[in-house]
C-alpha cells in the first residue's frame, strides 16, 4: 500500500532519515547492488595498502544539506573505510566509498595523488637531517596545531630550519614526510 504526503518536504525528510539509518546497518550486499556514500577522511588520512594488508580509518558520513552544501557531522555517524590502493588518501577530504560485501572501500584512488600536508616543526631540522613535526591545518578561519599528530620530516635541502617554522611536505613510501617548502626564517 503506497503512502502519500501533502508536502514533498515530508517525503524527502523521511527518505533522508531512512538513508542515514541504512548507512549504519550491515545489509546483505547482494540485495543492494552498488552502493556509494560520501565520507570525510580524518586529518591523518588513510595510509596506502602494504602488500595485501589494507589500512582503514574511521570517517565521518557526509551528505548534501538543504543549502546544497556538502557537510559532515563528526558527532553523528562514523564509517570505517578501507584503502585498497597503493597510494595514501589525503586527510580532511571528501571522498566516495563503495560497499563491497558489507565493507566500505574508498572508491577514489589515493585521494587525487600524493598526500601533501602542512606541518610545524617541534624541534630544529638540520640540513639533510630529520626532525619531528606536528600537523598544522586551516579550519576555514584560523590555523591550528594538532599536537597528537606528529610525524618525522626529512630535509633534502642544504639549509637548516628553526623550531616552530611551518612547512609543506609530501608523504614518502617510507612513511616519512619529505619537505617541499619551508616558511622563511626571521631576519
Protein backbone atom coordinates (compact mmCIF):
# COMPACT_ATOMS: atom_id res chain seq x y z
CA UNK A 1 0.00 0.00 0.00
CA UNK A 2 1.66 3.26 -1.09
CA UNK A 3 1.79 6.27 1.22
CA UNK A 4 1.31 9.84 0.11
CA UNK A 5 2.10 13.11 1.81
CA UNK A 6 0.67 16.55 1.22
CA UNK A 7 4.16 18.03 1.44
CA UNK A 8 7.07 16.94 -0.73
CA UNK A 9 9.44 18.07 2.08
CA UNK A 10 7.99 15.45 4.48
CA UNK A 11 8.67 12.68 1.96
CA UNK A 12 12.22 13.96 1.35
CA UNK A 13 12.90 14.14 5.10
CA UNK A 14 11.74 10.54 5.57
CA UNK A 15 13.97 9.36 2.71
CA UNK A 16 16.93 11.23 4.25
CA UNK A 17 16.34 9.63 7.68
CA UNK A 18 15.95 6.21 6.07
CA UNK A 19 19.17 6.60 4.11
CA UNK A 20 21.06 7.66 7.25
CA UNK A 21 19.77 4.64 9.15
CA UNK A 22 20.66 2.28 6.28
CA UNK A 23 24.23 3.60 6.30
CA UNK A 24 24.55 2.46 9.92
CA UNK A 25 23.30 -1.08 9.41
CA UNK A 26 25.07 -4.04 7.86
CA UNK A 27 22.91 -5.03 4.90
CA UNK A 28 23.21 -8.07 2.68
CA UNK A 29 25.22 -6.61 -0.25
CA UNK A 30 23.59 -8.92 -2.78
CA UNK A 31 20.32 -7.03 -2.15
CA UNK A 32 21.85 -3.62 -2.78
CA UNK A 33 23.83 -3.83 -5.97
CA UNK A 34 26.35 -1.00 -5.95
CA UNK A 35 26.01 1.42 -3.05
CA UNK A 36 28.14 4.56 -2.81
CA UNK A 37 28.39 7.08 0.02
CA UNK A 38 30.42 10.24 0.59
CA UNK A 39 32.67 10.44 3.65
CA UNK A 40 35.18 12.91 5.08
CA UNK A 41 38.55 11.41 5.92
CA UNK A 42 40.19 12.10 9.30
CA UNK A 43 43.05 14.66 9.48
CA UNK A 44 45.66 11.89 9.27
CA UNK A 45 44.08 10.47 6.09
CA UNK A 46 44.15 6.75 5.26
CA UNK A 47 47.51 5.11 4.65
CA UNK A 48 48.25 3.11 1.50
CA UNK A 49 47.92 -0.67 1.39
CA UNK A 50 51.10 -2.53 2.36
CA UNK A 51 51.36 -5.76 0.38
CA UNK A 52 47.96 -7.39 0.83
CA UNK A 53 47.24 -5.64 4.15
CA UNK A 54 44.72 -2.83 3.69
CA UNK A 55 44.63 0.11 6.06
CA UNK A 56 41.46 1.77 7.28
CA UNK A 57 40.24 4.80 9.16
CA UNK A 58 37.04 5.94 10.80
CA UNK A 59 35.50 8.61 8.55
CA UNK A 60 32.52 10.93 9.02
CA UNK A 61 29.48 10.22 6.87
CA UNK A 62 28.78 13.27 4.67
CA UNK A 63 25.68 14.47 2.86
CA UNK A 64 24.35 17.43 0.87
CA UNK A 65 22.19 19.72 3.05
CA UNK A 66 19.22 21.88 2.05
CA UNK A 67 21.59 24.71 1.05
CA UNK A 68 23.33 22.37 -1.45
CA UNK A 69 26.48 22.25 0.73
CA UNK A 70 28.49 19.11 1.36
CA UNK A 71 28.66 18.69 5.15
CA UNK A 72 29.57 16.11 7.75
CA UNK A 73 28.73 15.92 11.44
CA UNK A 74 31.60 14.33 13.40
CA UNK A 75 29.21 13.68 16.31
CA UNK A 76 26.72 11.59 14.33
CA UNK A 77 27.69 8.75 12.01
CA UNK A 78 31.18 7.32 11.61
CA UNK A 79 32.02 4.72 8.97
CA UNK A 80 35.18 2.59 8.75
CA UNK A 81 36.61 2.97 5.23
CA UNK A 82 39.38 0.75 3.81
CA UNK A 83 42.10 1.85 1.39
CA UNK A 84 42.91 -0.92 -1.10
CA UNK A 85 45.23 1.23 -3.24
CA UNK A 86 48.98 1.69 -3.14
CA UNK A 87 48.58 5.44 -2.53
CA UNK A 88 47.81 7.34 0.66
CA UNK A 89 44.45 9.07 0.80
CA UNK A 90 44.81 12.65 2.00
CA UNK A 91 43.28 13.79 5.27
CA UNK A 92 40.34 16.12 5.76
CA UNK A 93 38.99 15.34 2.25
CA UNK A 94 35.57 14.33 0.98
CA UNK A 95 35.80 11.03 -0.91
CA UNK A 96 33.44 8.38 -2.23
CA UNK A 97 33.26 4.92 -0.66
CA UNK A 98 31.61 1.83 -2.13
CA UNK A 99 30.13 -1.03 -0.12
CA UNK A 100 31.78 -4.30 -1.10
CA UNK A 101 30.45 -7.40 0.70
CA UNK A 102 29.41 -5.31 3.69
CA UNK A 103 32.70 -3.35 3.94
CA UNK A 104 33.18 0.29 2.84
CA UNK A 105 36.11 0.70 0.43
CA UNK A 106 37.46 4.05 -0.78
CA UNK A 107 36.46 4.25 -4.41
CA UNK A 108 38.79 7.12 -5.29
CA UNK A 109 42.35 6.05 -5.89
CA UNK A 110 44.68 7.75 -3.44
CA UNK A 111 42.57 10.85 -2.91
CA UNK A 112 43.92 12.51 -6.03
CA UNK A 113 47.56 11.50 -5.81
CA UNK A 114 50.41 12.02 -3.38
CA UNK A 115 49.42 13.13 0.10
CA UNK A 116 50.70 16.66 0.79
CA UNK A 117 50.18 18.32 4.19
CA UNK A 118 51.21 21.29 6.31
CA UNK A 119 53.41 20.71 9.38
CA UNK A 120 55.03 22.78 12.14
CA UNK A 121 58.47 21.79 13.44
CA UNK A 122 58.63 20.77 17.11
CA UNK A 123 62.45 20.68 17.03
CA UNK A 124 65.22 22.11 14.84
CA UNK A 125 65.68 20.48 11.41
CA UNK A 126 69.30 20.21 10.27
CA UNK A 127 70.33 20.45 6.61
CA UNK A 128 69.88 16.95 5.15
CA UNK A 129 68.52 15.74 8.50
CA UNK A 130 65.29 14.58 10.11
CA UNK A 131 63.09 16.09 12.82
CA UNK A 132 59.63 15.77 14.34
CA UNK A 133 56.76 17.99 13.23
CA UNK A 134 53.12 18.24 14.25
CA UNK A 135 50.14 18.66 11.96
CA UNK A 136 49.18 22.24 11.16
CA UNK A 137 45.89 22.89 9.39
CA UNK A 138 43.47 25.62 8.34
CA UNK A 139 39.87 25.18 9.54
CA UNK A 140 38.47 27.81 7.18
CA UNK A 141 39.07 30.67 9.61
CA UNK A 142 42.21 30.02 11.67
CA UNK A 143 45.41 27.99 11.61
CA UNK A 144 45.74 25.40 14.38
CA UNK A 145 48.23 22.83 15.68
CA UNK A 146 47.27 19.18 16.11
CA UNK A 147 49.74 18.08 18.83
CA UNK A 148 48.64 14.43 18.74
CA UNK A 149 49.50 14.11 15.03
CA UNK A 150 53.34 14.01 14.97
CA UNK A 151 55.49 12.72 12.09
CA UNK A 152 59.12 12.58 11.01
CA UNK A 153 60.05 15.08 8.28
CA UNK A 154 63.17 14.82 6.12
CA UNK A 155 65.05 17.91 4.91
CA UNK A 156 66.53 17.38 1.42
CA UNK A 157 67.87 20.96 1.37
CA UNK A 158 71.25 22.44 2.33
CA UNK A 159 69.84 24.86 4.94
CA UNK A 160 68.72 24.11 8.49
CA UNK A 161 65.27 25.14 9.75
CA UNK A 162 64.34 26.50 13.20
CA UNK A 163 61.83 25.06 15.64
CA UNK A 164 58.29 26.36 15.10
CA UNK A 165 58.71 27.01 11.36
CA UNK A 166 55.83 25.91 9.17
CA UNK A 167 56.47 23.66 6.18
CA UNK A 168 54.81 21.70 3.41
CA UNK A 169 55.79 18.06 2.89
CA UNK A 170 54.66 15.02 0.92
CA UNK A 171 54.37 11.50 2.31
CA UNK A 172 57.05 9.16 1.03
CA UNK A 173 56.52 5.38 0.74
CA UNK A 174 58.94 5.01 3.70
CA UNK A 175 56.28 6.63 5.94
CA UNK A 176 58.38 9.75 6.43
CA UNK A 177 57.44 13.17 5.06
CA UNK A 178 59.78 14.91 2.60
CA UNK A 179 59.97 18.71 2.94
CA UNK A 180 58.96 20.60 -0.21
CA UNK A 181 58.70 24.14 1.08
CA UNK A 182 59.53 25.94 4.36
CA UNK A 183 58.38 29.20 5.93
CA UNK A 184 61.07 31.90 5.70
CA UNK A 185 63.39 32.34 8.65
CA UNK A 186 63.22 35.59 10.61
CA UNK A 187 65.94 38.03 9.60
